[in-house]
C-alpha atoms as a PDB file:
ATOM      1  CA  MET A   1      -7.023  -5.047  11.382  1.00  0.00           C
ATOM      2  CA  THR A   2      -5.427  -8.254  10.164  1.00  0.00           C
ATOM      3  CA  LEU A   3      -2.351  -8.382   7.965  1.00  0.00           C
ATOM      4  CA  GLN A   4      -4.495  -9.696   5.079  1.00  0.00           C
ATOM      5  CA  GLN A   5      -6.918  -6.760   5.409  1.00  0.00           C
ATOM      6  CA  LYS A   6      -4.026  -4.293   5.525  1.00  0.00           C
ATOM      7  CA  GLU A   7      -2.398  -5.798   2.409  1.00  0.00           C
ATOM      8  CA  PHE A   8      -5.731  -5.757   0.607  1.00  0.00           C
ATOM      9  CA  LEU A   9      -6.375  -2.091   1.412  1.00  0.00           C
ATOM     10  CA  GLU A  10      -2.861  -1.127   0.302  1.00  0.00           C
ATOM     11  CA  LYS A  11      -3.302  -2.934  -3.017  1.00  0.00           C
ATOM     12  CA  ILE A  12      -6.732  -1.418  -3.595  1.00  0.00           C
ATOM     13  CA  GLU A  13      -5.375   2.051  -2.835  1.00  0.00           C
ATOM     14  CA  LYS A  14      -2.499   1.519  -5.273  1.00  0.00           C
ATOM     15  CA  HIS A  15      -4.778   0.214  -8.050  1.00  0.00           C
ATOM     16  CA  LYS A  16      -8.029   2.105  -7.455  1.00  0.00           C
ATOM     17  CA  GLY A  17      -7.544   3.890 -10.794  1.00  0.00           C
ATOM     18  CA  ILE A  18      -8.316   0.607 -12.566  1.00  0.00           C
ATOM     19  CA  ILE A  19     -11.600   0.303 -10.701  1.00  0.00           C
ATOM     20  CA  TYR A  20     -12.419   3.953 -11.354  1.00  0.00           C
ATOM     21  CA  LYS A  21     -11.791   3.613 -15.100  1.00  0.00           C
ATOM     22  CA  ILE A  22     -13.907   0.500 -15.430  1.00  0.00           C
ATOM     23  CA  SER A  23     -16.709   2.040 -13.384  1.00  0.00           C
ATOM     24  CA  LYS A  24     -16.585   5.139 -15.565  1.00  0.00           C
ATOM     25  CA  MET A  25     -16.593   3.102 -18.753  1.00  0.00           C
ATOM     26  CA  TYR A  26     -19.539   0.895 -17.811  1.00  0.00           C
ATOM     27  CA  MET A  27     -21.800   3.288 -15.909  1.00  0.00           C
ATOM     28  CA  ASP A  28     -22.865   6.703 -17.099  1.00  0.00           C
ATOM     29  CA  ASP A  29     -24.579   7.934 -13.936  1.00  0.00           C
ATOM     30  CA  GLN A  30     -22.416   9.046 -10.987  1.00  0.00           C
ATOM     31  CA  SER A  31     -24.393   7.082  -8.391  1.00  0.00           C
ATOM     32  CA  ASP A  32     -24.276   3.965 -10.604  1.00  0.00           C
ATOM     33  CA  ARG A  33     -20.506   4.383 -10.951  1.00  0.00           C
ATOM     34  CA  GLU A  34     -20.178   4.599  -7.178  1.00  0.00           C
ATOM     35  CA  ASP A  35     -22.334   1.477  -6.764  1.00  0.00           C
ATOM     36  CA  LEU A  36     -20.246  -0.410  -9.315  1.00  0.00           C
ATOM     37  CA  PHE A  37     -17.017   0.808  -7.702  1.00  0.00           C
ATOM     38  CA  GLN A  38     -18.212  -0.579  -4.352  1.00  0.00           C
ATOM     39  CA  GLU A  39     -19.403  -3.826  -5.926  1.00  0.00           C
ATOM     40  CA  ILE A  40     -16.013  -4.357  -7.588  1.00  0.00           C
ATOM     41  CA  ILE A  41     -14.192  -3.813  -4.291  1.00  0.00           C
ATOM     42  CA  TYR A  42     -16.599  -6.225  -2.573  1.00  0.00           C
ATOM     43  CA  GLN A  43     -16.080  -8.905  -5.249  1.00  0.00           C
ATOM     44  CA  VAL A  44     -12.311  -8.445  -5.140  1.00  0.00           C
ATOM     45  CA  TRP A  45     -12.351  -8.806  -1.327  1.00  0.00           C
ATOM     46  CA  LYS A  46     -14.485 -11.964  -1.584  1.00  0.00           C
ATOM     47  CA  ALA A  47     -11.971 -13.449  -4.027  1.00  0.00           C
ATOM     48  CA  TYR A  48      -8.829 -12.075  -2.376  1.00  0.00           C
ATOM     49  CA  SER A  49      -8.082 -15.278  -0.479  1.00  0.00           C
ATOM     50  CA  THR A  50      -7.807 -17.069  -3.854  1.00  0.00           C
ATOM     51  CA  PHE A  51      -5.174 -14.653  -5.210  1.00  0.00           C
ATOM     52  CA  ARG A  52      -2.054 -16.805  -5.476  1.00  0.00           C
ATOM     53  CA  GLY A  53       0.305 -14.254  -6.961  1.00  0.00           C
ATOM     54  CA  ASP A  54       0.790 -16.233 -10.189  1.00  0.00           C
ATOM     55  CA  SER A  55       0.113 -12.987 -12.035  1.00  0.00           C
ATOM     56  CA  GLU A  56       0.339  -9.334 -11.107  1.00  0.00           C
ATOM     57  CA  PHE A  57      -2.351  -8.132  -8.716  1.00  0.00           C
ATOM     58  CA  SER A  58      -3.399  -5.539 -11.297  1.00  0.00           C
ATOM     59  CA  THR A  59      -3.961  -8.247 -13.930  1.00  0.00           C
ATOM     60  CA  TRP A  60      -6.051 -10.282 -11.510  1.00  0.00           C
ATOM     61  CA  LEU A  61      -7.947  -7.116 -10.509  1.00  0.00           C
ATOM     62  CA  TYR A  62      -8.724  -6.244 -14.161  1.00  0.00           C
ATOM     63  CA  ARG A  63     -10.321  -9.620 -14.685  1.00  0.00           C
ATOM     64  CA  ILE A  64     -12.531  -9.451 -11.608  1.00  0.00           C
ATOM     65  CA  ALA A  65     -13.427  -5.799 -12.206  1.00  0.00           C
ATOM     66  CA  LEU A  66     -14.449  -6.361 -15.831  1.00  0.00           C
ATOM     67  CA  ASN A  67     -16.438  -9.487 -15.003  1.00  0.00           C
ATOM     68  CA  THR A  68     -18.171  -7.645 -12.166  1.00  0.00           C
ATOM     69  CA  ALA A  69     -18.982  -4.693 -14.439  1.00  0.00           C
ATOM     70  CA  ILE A  70     -20.470  -6.982 -17.074  1.00  0.00           C
ATOM     71  CA  MET A  71     -22.551  -8.850 -14.498  1.00  0.00           C
ATOM     72  CA  PHE A  72     -23.596  -5.569 -12.886  1.00  0.00           C
ATOM     73  CA  LEU A  73     -24.928  -4.380 -16.246  1.00  0.00           C
ATOM     74  CA  ARG A  74     -26.821  -7.601 -16.807  1.00  0.00           C
ATOM     75  CA  TYR A  75     -28.487  -7.538 -13.414  1.00  0.00           C
ATOM     76  CA  GLU A  76     -29.180  -3.833 -13.294  1.00  0.00           C
ATOM     77  CA  LYS A  77     -30.186  -3.621 -16.975  1.00  0.00           C
ATOM     78  CA  ARG A  78     -29.292   0.038 -17.018  1.00  0.00           C
ATOM     79  CA  ARG A  79     -28.470   1.821 -20.221  1.00  0.00           C
ATOM     80  CA  SER A  80     -28.528   5.554 -20.495  1.00  0.00           C
ATOM     81  CA  PHE A  81     -26.536   8.170 -22.316  1.00  0.00           C
ATOM     82  CA  ILE A  82     -23.543  10.071 -21.043  1.00  0.00           C
ATOM     83  CA  THR A  83     -23.864  13.795 -20.640  1.00  0.00           C
ATOM     84  CA  ASN A  84     -20.974  16.215 -20.783  1.00  0.00           C
ATOM     85  CA  ASP A  85     -21.404  16.974 -17.080  1.00  0.00           C
ATOM     86  CA  ASP A  86     -20.465  13.392 -16.241  1.00  0.00           C
ATOM     87  CA  PHE A  87     -16.876  14.037 -17.257  1.00  0.00           C
ATOM     88  CA  SER A  88     -16.282  17.356 -15.536  1.00  0.00           C
ATOM     89  CA  ASP A  89     -14.091  15.595 -12.955  1.00  0.00           C
ATOM     90  CA  TYR A  90     -12.079  13.613 -15.520  1.00  0.00           C
ATOM     91  CA  ARG A  91      -9.616  16.231 -16.719  1.00  0.00           C
ATOM     92  CA  ILE A  92      -6.068  15.034 -16.638  1.00  0.00           C
ATOM     93  CA  LYS A  93      -4.100  16.819 -13.967  1.00  0.00           C
ATOM     94  CA  ASN A  94      -0.778  18.495 -14.671  1.00  0.00           C
ATOM     95  CA  GLU A  95      -1.731  19.133 -18.271  1.00  0.00           C
ATOM     96  CA  GLU A  96      -2.891  22.372 -19.689  1.00  0.00           C
ATOM     97  CA  TYR A  97      -6.629  22.286 -20.395  1.00  0.00           C
ATOM     98  CA  ASP A  98      -7.430  21.886 -24.067  1.00  0.00           C
ATOM     99  CA  ASP A  99     -11.064  22.319 -25.218  1.00  0.00           C
ATOM    100  CA  GLU A 100     -10.548  20.203 -28.326  1.00  0.00           C
ATOM    101  CA  LYS A 101      -8.890  17.380 -26.397  1.00  0.00           C
ATOM    102  CA  GLU A 102     -11.666  17.471 -23.795  1.00  0.00           C
ATOM    103  CA  GLU A 103     -14.351  17.400 -26.492  1.00  0.00           C
ATOM    104  CA  ASN A 104     -12.689  14.446 -28.234  1.00  0.00           C
ATOM    105  CA  LEU A 105     -12.451  12.589 -24.926  1.00  0.00           C
ATOM    106  CA  LEU A 106     -16.161  13.146 -24.298  1.00  0.00           C
ATOM    107  CA  LYS A 107     -17.037  11.897 -27.786  1.00  0.00           C
ATOM    108  CA  MET A 108     -14.885   8.813 -27.323  1.00  0.00           C
ATOM    109  CA  TYR A 109     -16.436   7.865 -23.970  1.00  0.00           C
ATOM    110  CA  SER A 110     -19.907   8.535 -25.304  1.00  0.00           C
ATOM    111  CA  ALA A 111     -19.222   6.178 -28.214  1.00  0.00           C
ATOM    112  CA  ILE A 112     -17.682   3.546 -25.912  1.00  0.00           C
ATOM    113  CA  ASN A 113     -20.781   3.720 -23.734  1.00  0.00           C
ATOM    114  CA  LYS A 114     -22.874   2.616 -26.726  1.00  0.00           C
ATOM    115  CA  LEU A 115     -20.855  -0.587 -27.218  1.00  0.00           C
ATOM    116  CA  ASN A 116     -21.980  -3.883 -25.734  1.00  0.00           C
ATOM    117  CA  PRO A 117     -20.197  -4.946 -22.504  1.00  0.00           C
ATOM    118  CA  ILE A 118     -17.816  -7.381 -24.194  1.00  0.00           C
ATOM    119  CA  ASP A 119     -16.728  -4.858 -26.837  1.00  0.00           C
ATOM    120  CA  LYS A 120     -16.187  -2.325 -24.032  1.00  0.00           C
ATOM    121  CA  ALA A 121     -13.852  -4.793 -22.338  1.00  0.00           C
ATOM    122  CA  PHE A 122     -11.807  -5.213 -25.524  1.00  0.00           C
ATOM    123  CA  ILE A 123     -11.601  -1.447 -26.020  1.00  0.00           C
ATOM    124  CA  PHE A 124     -10.590  -1.010 -22.387  1.00  0.00           C
ATOM    125  CA  TYR A 125      -7.770  -3.538 -22.774  1.00  0.00           C
ATOM    126  CA  TYR A 126      -6.701  -1.819 -25.995  1.00  0.00           C
ATOM    127  CA  LEU A 127      -6.633   1.605 -24.339  1.00  0.00           C
ATOM    128  CA  GLU A 128      -4.630   0.161 -21.459  1.00  0.00           C
ATOM    129  CA  ASN A 129      -2.041  -1.239 -23.940  1.00  0.00           C
ATOM    130  CA  PHE A 130      -2.562  -4.899 -23.053  1.00  0.00           C
ATOM    131  CA  SER A 131      -0.936  -7.331 -25.463  1.00  0.00           C
ATOM    132  CA  GLY A 132      -2.971  -9.873 -27.395  1.00  0.00           C
ATOM    133  CA  LYS A 133      -1.552 -12.590 -25.173  1.00  0.00           C
ATOM    134  CA  GLN A 134      -2.548 -10.743 -21.991  1.00  0.00           C
ATOM    135  CA  ILE A 135      -6.062 -10.140 -23.299  1.00  0.00           C
ATOM    136  CA  ALA A 136      -6.386 -13.795 -24.296  1.00  0.00           C
ATOM    137  CA  GLU A 137      -5.401 -14.861 -20.783  1.00  0.00           C
ATOM    138  CA  GLN A 138      -7.819 -12.385 -19.209  1.00  0.00           C
ATOM    139  CA  MET A 139     -10.754 -13.272 -21.445  1.00  0.00           C
ATOM    140  CA  GLY A 140     -10.057 -17.001 -21.607  1.00  0.00           C
ATOM    141  CA  ILE A 141      -9.924 -17.115 -25.418  1.00  0.00           C
ATOM    142  CA  SER A 142      -7.219 -17.676 -28.044  1.00  0.00           C
ATOM    143  CA  GLU A 143      -4.980 -14.874 -29.307  1.00  0.00           C
ATOM    144  CA  GLY A 144      -6.470 -15.312 -32.785  1.00  0.00           C
ATOM    145  CA  ASN A 145      -9.941 -14.838 -31.379  1.00  0.00           C
ATOM    146  CA  VAL A 146      -8.690 -11.739 -29.536  1.00  0.00           C
ATOM    147  CA  ARG A 147      -7.475 -10.226 -32.829  1.00  0.00           C
ATOM    148  CA  VAL A 148     -10.822 -10.870 -34.512  1.00  0.00           C
ATOM    149  CA  LYS A 149     -12.911  -9.549 -31.619  1.00  0.00           C
ATOM    150  CA  MET A 150     -10.584  -6.569 -31.097  1.00  0.00           C
ATOM    151  CA  ASN A 151     -10.860  -5.561 -34.743  1.00  0.00           C
ATOM    152  CA  ARG A 152     -14.641  -5.844 -34.618  1.00  0.00           C
ATOM    153  CA  ALA A 153     -14.815  -3.753 -31.445  1.00  0.00           C
ATOM    154  CA  LYS A 154     -12.496  -1.089 -32.894  1.00  0.00           C
ATOM    155  CA  ASN A 155     -14.529  -0.989 -36.131  1.00  0.00           C
ATOM    156  CA  LYS A 156     -17.768  -0.562 -34.169  1.00  0.00           C
ATOM    157  CA  LEU A 157     -16.172   2.249 -32.190  1.00  0.00           C
ATOM    158  CA  LYS A 158     -14.942   3.928 -35.388  1.00  0.00           C
ATOM    159  CA  GLU A 159     -18.457   3.763 -36.845  1.00  0.00           C
ATOM    160  CA  LEU A 160     -19.898   5.343 -33.710  1.00  0.00           C
ATOM    161  CA  LEU A 161     -17.299   8.105 -33.792  1.00  0.00           C
ATOM    162  CA  ASN A 162     -18.017   8.965 -37.454  1.00  0.00           C
END
């Protein structure tokens, strides 16, 4: 194993939660999530030699993972609904189980699943506490455009939740 391969595997291991979250957000079926997870890792490996370290690895990974998820959706043209069973493995560890919290989480992910891929990306960035500037850099748009698109995505999500 080369030094580059070792570094890559260490970074993927450290940041695999990002890939898991994006896969979960964009794919409702377990096997589709696994396929997307693998595709993201493959795309990140293909692009790894271009990572210059100008930004954090996690920031660079978010961008590739979200772009891959959006492209994966376009090519696969899969849209189905989330069932409660899909989230049985998502409970937060080290917290006491709360039926109401679990139910709200399921409703939120179900609503997110109904958004278009771009709105999902904005909601993902919002949930991950990215700043407007960070989102603008990731999406390649102005901060003003981020605010407009973020508000639209949040309003769509609110409508779906009501």
